[in-house]
Structures are given as structure tokens and as C-alpha cells.
Amino acid sequence: MDNDKISVCLSLSLSLSLSLAPLARARAHTHTHTHTHTHTHTHTHTKFSIFLLVLLDQSIKFTAYVKISVA
């Protein structure tokens, strides 16, 4: 049972990182086009914030999914 939980978590975290990378890149790319005249420092900070928000959102969804599927 514990091994099943571990493998579920591992496969979820793998798929999370795989799906997250292109998503974050796409968001950042879209952001670049909407705010072309923003300063580089602010822009980098905003990109990072967006990435964190996406990561948090995905983590919550995956945690909920793990709880449902493992319960």
C-alpha cells in the first residue's frame, strides 16, 4: 500500500514538472508581448510571480487528486 502511494506521488510529481515547464514558458511568453515596455527587473519579478502562482495552483490540484485516488 505504501509503495503504491509512493509511486503515485512520484509519477504525479514527474507529470507535474513536465506539464508545468511549457505552461510557465507560455505564460511568460504571453506576458512579454503584453508588457513590452516594462523594465527588465520588474518583468523578471512578474514572470517569477506568475510561475509561483501557477505552481501553487497545480500543486493544490495534484494534492487533491492524490488524496482522492489514494484514499
Protein backbone atom coordinates (compact mmCIF):
# COMPACT_ATOMS: atom_id res chain seq x y z
CA MET A 1 0.00 0.00 0.00
CA ASP A 2 2.78 2.42 0.95
CA ASN A 3 4.70 1.55 -2.21
CA ASP A 4 1.61 2.37 -4.25
CA LYS A 5 1.32 5.76 -2.57
CA ILE A 6 5.00 6.48 -3.23
CA SER A 7 4.77 5.53 -6.90
CA VAL A 8 1.59 7.60 -7.32
CA CYS A 9 3.31 10.63 -5.78
CA LEU A 10 6.42 10.15 -7.91
CA SER A 11 4.52 9.81 -11.15
CA LEU A 12 2.37 12.83 -10.26
CA SER A 13 5.36 15.00 -9.44
CA LEU A 14 7.02 13.92 -12.68
CA SER A 15 3.97 14.74 -14.77
CA LEU A 16 3.58 17.97 -12.79
CA SER A 17 7.09 19.13 -13.65
CA LEU A 18 6.65 18.08 -17.28
CA SER A 19 3.33 19.89 -17.69
CA LEU A 20 4.43 22.90 -15.67
CA ALA A 21 7.53 23.84 -17.67
CA PRO A 22 5.78 24.54 -21.01
CA LEU A 23 2.88 26.18 -19.19
CA ALA A 24 5.16 28.59 -17.33
CA ARG A 25 7.07 29.30 -20.53
CA ALA A 26 3.83 30.02 -22.42
CA ARG A 27 2.58 32.34 -19.68
CA ALA A 28 5.89 34.20 -19.60
CA HIS A 29 5.88 34.47 -23.40
CA THR A 30 2.36 35.92 -23.43
CA HIS A 31 3.36 38.32 -20.68
CA THR A 32 6.35 39.53 -22.73
CA HIS A 33 4.03 40.54 -25.56
CA THR A 34 1.53 42.38 -23.37
CA HIS A 35 4.15 44.36 -21.43
CA THR A 36 6.91 45.09 -23.91
CA HIS A 37 7.92 48.40 -22.32
CA THR A 38 8.27 47.15 -18.75
CA HIS A 39 11.70 47.31 -17.12
CA THR A 40 13.66 44.07 -17.14
CA HIS A 41 13.84 43.79 -13.35
CA THR A 42 10.09 44.26 -12.88
CA HIS A 43 9.41 41.92 -15.77
CA THR A 44 11.59 39.14 -14.32
CA HIS A 45 9.91 39.56 -10.94
CA THR A 46 6.44 39.38 -12.51
CA LYS A 47 7.37 36.29 -14.50
CA PHE A 48 8.58 34.63 -11.31
CA SER A 49 5.35 35.59 -9.51
CA ILE A 50 3.25 34.13 -12.32
CA PHE A 51 5.33 30.96 -12.19
CA LEU A 52 4.81 30.68 -8.43
CA LEU A 53 1.06 31.19 -8.81
CA VAL A 54 0.88 28.52 -11.50
CA LEU A 55 2.98 26.17 -9.37
CA LEU A 56 0.79 26.75 -6.33
CA ASP A 57 -2.38 26.21 -8.34
CA GLN A 58 -1.06 22.97 -9.88
CA SER A 59 0.19 21.72 -6.50
CA ILE A 60 -3.23 22.21 -4.91
CA LYS A 61 -4.93 20.35 -7.75
CA PHE A 62 -2.44 17.47 -7.64
CA THR A 63 -2.60 17.21 -3.84
CA ALA A 64 -6.38 16.98 -4.03
CA TYR A 65 -6.08 14.34 -6.76
CA VAL A 66 -3.61 12.28 -4.72
CA LYS A 67 -5.88 12.39 -1.67
CA ILE A 68 -8.89 11.26 -3.70
CA SER A 69 -7.09 8.49 -5.58
CA VAL A 70 -5.16 7.12 -2.59
CA ALA A 71 -7.97 7.40 0.00
